[in-house]
């Protein structure tokens, strides 16, 4: 997966951004490289334009596992696209907050 092994050897300790459209998936990276890298992003910005069900599915696919393994900051993978409605963006923020606050140990 990209040049992550070389980055680790060079002393890198985190990855950002993790853009889905470029094939960067935080869950796959965490499973392959463990907790040797802190991760930021990976929530597909394109899903925010689709609707609540898609937003929930995208967050549930990644956030619980990555928070449980540690060293992860849940956020979208790039800037917010212009086709994301304000309502969808607020829903994304609220649903993410609920996931983060509702996890054990929080």
N, C-alpha and C. Protein backbone atom coordinates (compact mmCIF):
# COMPACT_ATOMS: atom_id res chain seq x y z
N UNK A 1 0.86 -1.18 0.00
CA UNK A 1 0.00 0.00 0.00
C UNK A 1 0.89 1.23 0.00
N UNK A 2 0.93 1.90 -1.12
CA UNK A 2 1.75 3.09 -1.30
C UNK A 2 3.15 2.83 -0.76
N UNK A 3 3.77 3.79 -0.16
CA UNK A 3 5.14 3.65 0.35
C UNK A 3 5.16 3.73 1.86
N UNK A 4 4.15 3.19 2.50
CA UNK A 4 4.03 3.33 3.96
C UNK A 4 5.19 2.67 4.68
N UNK A 5 5.60 1.50 4.26
CA UNK A 5 6.72 0.82 4.93
C UNK A 5 7.97 1.70 4.90
N UNK A 6 8.23 2.33 3.78
CA UNK A 6 9.37 3.23 3.68
C UNK A 6 9.23 4.45 4.57
N UNK A 7 8.00 4.95 4.69
CA UNK A 7 7.74 6.08 5.59
C UNK A 7 8.06 5.70 7.03
N UNK A 8 7.64 4.51 7.43
CA UNK A 8 7.92 4.05 8.80
C UNK A 8 9.42 3.95 9.04
N UNK A 9 10.13 3.38 8.08
CA UNK A 9 11.59 3.26 8.21
C UNK A 9 12.26 4.62 8.31
N UNK A 10 11.67 5.62 7.65
CA UNK A 10 12.24 6.97 7.68
C UNK A 10 11.87 7.73 8.95
N UNK A 11 11.01 7.14 9.79
CA UNK A 11 10.67 7.77 11.05
C UNK A 11 9.32 8.46 11.10
N UNK A 12 8.55 8.39 10.04
CA UNK A 12 7.21 8.97 10.07
C UNK A 12 6.37 8.24 11.11
N UNK A 13 5.52 8.98 11.82
CA UNK A 13 4.68 8.34 12.83
C UNK A 13 3.20 8.65 12.67
N UNK A 14 2.83 9.31 11.57
CA UNK A 14 1.41 9.57 11.33
C UNK A 14 1.16 9.74 9.83
N UNK A 15 -0.09 9.57 9.46
CA UNK A 15 -0.51 9.79 8.07
C UNK A 15 -1.69 10.74 8.03
N UNK A 16 -1.59 11.72 7.16
CA UNK A 16 -2.65 12.69 6.94
C UNK A 16 -2.36 13.39 5.63
N UNK A 17 -3.29 13.56 4.75
CA UNK A 17 -4.67 13.09 4.81
C UNK A 17 -4.76 11.64 4.32
N UNK A 18 -5.87 11.03 4.60
CA UNK A 18 -6.15 9.68 4.12
C UNK A 18 -7.37 9.77 3.22
N UNK A 19 -7.15 10.08 1.96
CA UNK A 19 -8.27 10.34 1.04
C UNK A 19 -8.74 9.05 0.38
N UNK A 20 -10.02 8.75 0.57
CA UNK A 20 -10.63 7.54 0.02
C UNK A 20 -10.48 7.46 -1.50
N UNK A 21 -10.69 8.57 -2.19
CA UNK A 21 -10.61 8.57 -3.66
C UNK A 21 -9.22 8.19 -4.16
N UNK A 22 -8.22 8.33 -3.32
CA UNK A 22 -6.85 7.96 -3.68
C UNK A 22 -6.50 6.56 -3.19
N UNK A 23 -7.48 5.85 -2.63
CA UNK A 23 -7.25 4.49 -2.16
C UNK A 23 -6.68 4.39 -0.76
N UNK A 24 -6.69 5.47 -0.02
CA UNK A 24 -6.17 5.47 1.35
C UNK A 24 -7.30 5.17 2.32
N UNK A 25 -7.29 4.00 2.90
CA UNK A 25 -8.34 3.56 3.80
C UNK A 25 -7.73 3.29 5.17
N UNK A 26 -8.16 4.04 6.16
CA UNK A 26 -7.56 3.95 7.50
C UNK A 26 -7.74 2.57 8.12
N UNK A 27 -8.87 1.93 7.89
CA UNK A 27 -9.09 0.60 8.46
C UNK A 27 -8.07 -0.39 7.88
N UNK A 28 -7.88 -0.37 6.58
CA UNK A 28 -6.91 -1.27 5.95
C UNK A 28 -5.49 -0.96 6.44
N UNK A 29 -5.17 0.31 6.55
CA UNK A 29 -3.83 0.70 7.01
C UNK A 29 -3.61 0.24 8.45
N UNK A 30 -4.61 0.44 9.31
CA UNK A 30 -4.48 0.03 10.71
C UNK A 30 -4.30 -1.48 10.80
N UNK A 31 -5.07 -2.23 10.01
CA UNK A 31 -4.95 -3.70 10.06
C UNK A 31 -3.60 -4.18 9.55
N UNK A 32 -3.04 -3.48 8.58
CA UNK A 32 -1.75 -3.90 8.02
C UNK A 32 -0.57 -3.43 8.86
N UNK A 33 -0.64 -2.22 9.41
CA UNK A 33 0.52 -1.63 10.09
C UNK A 33 0.34 -1.46 11.59
N UNK A 34 -0.81 -1.85 12.11
CA UNK A 34 -1.03 -1.74 13.55
C UNK A 34 -1.04 -0.30 14.02
N UNK A 35 -0.61 -0.11 15.24
CA UNK A 35 -0.67 1.21 15.87
C UNK A 35 0.64 1.98 15.73
N UNK A 36 1.48 1.57 14.80
CA UNK A 36 2.75 2.28 14.61
C UNK A 36 2.56 3.64 13.95
N UNK A 37 1.36 3.89 13.42
CA UNK A 37 1.06 5.18 12.79
C UNK A 37 -0.20 5.78 13.39
N UNK A 38 -0.14 7.05 13.74
CA UNK A 38 -1.36 7.79 14.07
C UNK A 38 -2.04 8.14 12.74
N UNK A 39 -3.36 8.13 12.73
CA UNK A 39 -4.12 8.35 11.49
C UNK A 39 -5.10 9.49 11.66
N UNK A 40 -5.25 10.29 10.61
CA UNK A 40 -6.17 11.42 10.61
C UNK A 40 -6.94 11.41 9.30
N UNK A 41 -8.26 11.41 9.40
CA UNK A 41 -9.09 11.49 8.20
C UNK A 41 -9.70 10.17 7.81
N UNK A 42 -9.83 9.94 6.53
CA UNK A 42 -10.31 8.70 5.90
C UNK A 42 -11.83 8.61 5.79
N UNK A 43 -12.59 9.56 6.34
CA UNK A 43 -14.04 9.53 6.16
C UNK A 43 -14.35 10.17 4.81
N UNK A 44 -14.93 9.40 3.92
CA UNK A 44 -15.12 9.81 2.53
C UNK A 44 -16.04 11.02 2.40
N UNK A 45 -15.47 12.14 1.98
CA UNK A 45 -16.22 13.39 1.85
C UNK A 45 -17.39 13.26 0.89
N UNK A 46 -17.28 12.38 -0.09
CA UNK A 46 -18.34 12.21 -1.09
C UNK A 46 -19.62 11.64 -0.49
N UNK A 47 -19.49 10.89 0.60
CA UNK A 47 -20.66 10.30 1.25
C UNK A 47 -21.53 11.36 1.93
N UNK A 48 -20.95 12.47 2.33
CA UNK A 48 -21.70 13.52 3.01
C UNK A 48 -22.77 14.13 2.13
N UNK A 49 -22.59 14.11 0.83
CA UNK A 49 -23.57 14.70 -0.09
C UNK A 49 -24.76 13.78 -0.33
N UNK A 50 -24.64 12.52 0.03
CA UNK A 50 -25.66 11.54 -0.35
C UNK A 50 -26.86 11.50 0.59
N UNK A 51 -26.65 11.55 1.88
CA UNK A 51 -27.77 11.48 2.81
C UNK A 51 -27.38 10.87 4.14
N UNK A 52 -28.32 10.87 5.06
CA UNK A 52 -28.06 10.41 6.43
C UNK A 52 -27.63 8.95 6.49
N UNK A 53 -28.29 8.09 5.74
CA UNK A 53 -27.95 6.66 5.79
C UNK A 53 -26.51 6.44 5.33
N UNK A 54 -26.11 7.12 4.29
CA UNK A 54 -24.74 6.98 3.78
C UNK A 54 -23.71 7.56 4.75
N UNK A 55 -24.07 8.65 5.39
CA UNK A 55 -23.18 9.25 6.38
C UNK A 55 -22.98 8.28 7.54
N UNK A 56 -24.07 7.73 8.04
CA UNK A 56 -23.98 6.77 9.14
C UNK A 56 -23.16 5.55 8.75
N UNK A 57 -23.42 5.02 7.57
CA UNK A 57 -22.70 3.83 7.11
C UNK A 57 -21.19 4.10 7.03
N UNK A 58 -20.82 5.26 6.49
CA UNK A 58 -19.40 5.60 6.35
C UNK A 58 -18.74 5.74 7.72
N UNK A 59 -19.39 6.40 8.65
CA UNK A 59 -18.81 6.56 9.97
C UNK A 59 -18.75 5.24 10.73
N UNK A 60 -19.82 4.46 10.66
CA UNK A 60 -19.84 3.18 11.37
C UNK A 60 -18.83 2.19 10.80
N UNK A 61 -18.52 2.32 9.53
CA UNK A 61 -17.56 1.43 8.88
C UNK A 61 -16.15 1.62 9.45
N UNK A 62 -15.85 2.80 9.95
CA UNK A 62 -14.47 3.09 10.35
C UNK A 62 -14.29 3.54 11.80
N UNK A 63 -15.11 4.47 12.23
CA UNK A 63 -14.84 5.17 13.49
C UNK A 63 -14.76 4.26 14.71
N UNK A 64 -15.73 3.37 14.97
CA UNK A 64 -15.63 2.56 16.18
C UNK A 64 -14.33 1.73 16.25
N UNK A 65 -14.00 1.05 15.17
CA UNK A 65 -12.78 0.23 15.15
C UNK A 65 -11.53 1.09 15.35
N UNK A 66 -11.45 2.20 14.65
CA UNK A 66 -10.25 3.03 14.72
C UNK A 66 -10.11 3.72 16.08
N UNK A 67 -11.21 4.13 16.68
CA UNK A 67 -11.12 4.72 18.02
C UNK A 67 -10.71 3.66 19.03
N UNK A 68 -11.21 2.45 18.85
CA UNK A 68 -10.87 1.36 19.77
C UNK A 68 -9.37 1.03 19.71
N UNK A 69 -8.80 1.09 18.51
CA UNK A 69 -7.38 0.77 18.38
C UNK A 69 -6.48 1.94 18.77
N UNK A 70 -7.05 3.14 18.82
CA UNK A 70 -6.30 4.32 19.28
C UNK A 70 -5.50 4.99 18.19
N UNK A 71 -5.05 6.19 18.51
CA UNK A 71 -4.21 6.93 17.57
C UNK A 71 -4.94 7.35 16.31
N UNK A 72 -6.21 7.74 16.45
CA UNK A 72 -7.00 8.12 15.29
C UNK A 72 -7.82 9.37 15.59
N UNK A 73 -7.83 10.30 14.65
CA UNK A 73 -8.68 11.49 14.73
C UNK A 73 -9.70 11.37 13.60
N UNK A 74 -10.98 11.17 13.95
CA UNK A 74 -12.01 10.99 12.91
C UNK A 74 -12.40 12.32 12.27
N UNK A 75 -12.16 12.41 10.99
CA UNK A 75 -12.56 13.59 10.22
C UNK A 75 -12.64 13.21 8.75
N UNK A 76 -13.23 14.09 7.95
CA UNK A 76 -13.33 13.79 6.53
C UNK A 76 -11.96 13.81 5.89
N UNK A 77 -11.90 13.21 4.72
CA UNK A 77 -10.61 12.98 4.08
C UNK A 77 -10.09 14.15 3.26
N UNK A 78 -10.82 15.23 3.17
CA UNK A 78 -10.40 16.38 2.37
C UNK A 78 -11.35 17.52 2.70
N UNK A 79 -11.29 18.60 1.95
CA UNK A 79 -12.20 19.73 2.16
C UNK A 79 -13.65 19.32 1.87
N UNK A 80 -14.57 20.02 2.47
CA UNK A 80 -16.00 19.74 2.27
C UNK A 80 -16.40 20.18 0.86
N UNK A 81 -16.91 19.26 0.05
CA UNK A 81 -17.30 19.62 -1.32
C UNK A 81 -18.52 20.55 -1.33
N UNK A 82 -18.67 21.34 -2.38
CA UNK A 82 -19.79 22.29 -2.45
C UNK A 82 -21.16 21.62 -2.56
N UNK A 83 -21.21 20.35 -2.93
CA UNK A 83 -22.51 19.68 -3.06
C UNK A 83 -23.01 19.09 -1.74
N UNK A 84 -22.28 19.29 -0.64
CA UNK A 84 -22.73 18.82 0.67
C UNK A 84 -23.64 19.89 1.27
N UNK A 85 -24.87 19.51 1.56
CA UNK A 85 -25.80 20.47 2.14
C UNK A 85 -25.41 20.79 3.59
N UNK A 86 -25.82 21.95 4.03
CA UNK A 86 -25.56 22.35 5.41
C UNK A 86 -26.18 21.35 6.38
N UNK A 87 -27.39 20.91 6.06
CA UNK A 87 -28.07 19.92 6.91
C UNK A 87 -27.29 18.62 7.00
N UNK A 88 -26.78 18.14 5.88
CA UNK A 88 -25.99 16.91 5.89
C UNK A 88 -24.70 17.09 6.68
N UNK A 89 -24.07 18.25 6.54
CA UNK A 89 -22.84 18.50 7.28
C UNK A 89 -23.10 18.52 8.78
N UNK A 90 -24.18 19.18 9.19
CA UNK A 90 -24.52 19.20 10.62
C UNK A 90 -24.83 17.79 11.12
N UNK A 91 -25.51 17.00 10.30
CA UNK A 91 -25.83 15.62 10.69
C UNK A 91 -24.54 14.82 10.86
N UNK A 92 -23.61 14.97 9.93
CA UNK A 92 -22.31 14.30 10.03
C UNK A 92 -21.62 14.66 11.35
N UNK A 93 -21.58 15.95 11.68
CA UNK A 93 -20.92 16.38 12.92
C UNK A 93 -21.60 15.79 14.15
N UNK A 94 -22.93 15.81 14.17
CA UNK A 94 -23.67 15.30 15.32
C UNK A 94 -23.51 13.79 15.45
N UNK A 95 -23.63 13.07 14.36
CA UNK A 95 -23.50 11.61 14.42
C UNK A 95 -22.08 11.22 14.84
N UNK A 96 -21.09 11.92 14.33
CA UNK A 96 -19.71 11.65 14.73
C UNK A 96 -19.51 11.94 16.22
N UNK A 97 -20.08 13.05 16.69
CA UNK A 97 -19.97 13.38 18.12
C UNK A 97 -20.57 12.27 18.97
N UNK A 98 -21.74 11.78 18.57
CA UNK A 98 -22.39 10.71 19.33
C UNK A 98 -21.52 9.45 19.35
N UNK A 99 -20.92 9.12 18.23
CA UNK A 99 -20.04 7.95 18.20
C UNK A 99 -18.84 8.13 19.13
N UNK A 100 -18.23 9.29 19.07
CA UNK A 100 -17.04 9.53 19.88
C UNK A 100 -17.40 9.56 21.37
N UNK A 101 -18.46 10.25 21.73
CA UNK A 101 -18.83 10.35 23.14
C UNK A 101 -19.43 9.06 23.68
N UNK A 102 -20.02 8.25 22.81
CA UNK A 102 -20.67 7.04 23.27
C UNK A 102 -19.77 5.83 23.37
N UNK A 103 -18.53 5.97 22.99
CA UNK A 103 -17.65 4.81 23.03
C UNK A 103 -17.22 4.53 24.48
N UNK A 104 -16.97 3.26 24.80
CA UNK A 104 -16.53 2.91 26.16
C UNK A 104 -15.23 3.63 26.52
N UNK A 105 -15.17 4.12 27.74
CA UNK A 105 -13.96 4.78 28.21
C UNK A 105 -13.86 6.26 27.89
N UNK A 106 -14.85 6.78 27.15
CA UNK A 106 -14.81 8.20 26.77
C UNK A 106 -15.28 9.09 27.90
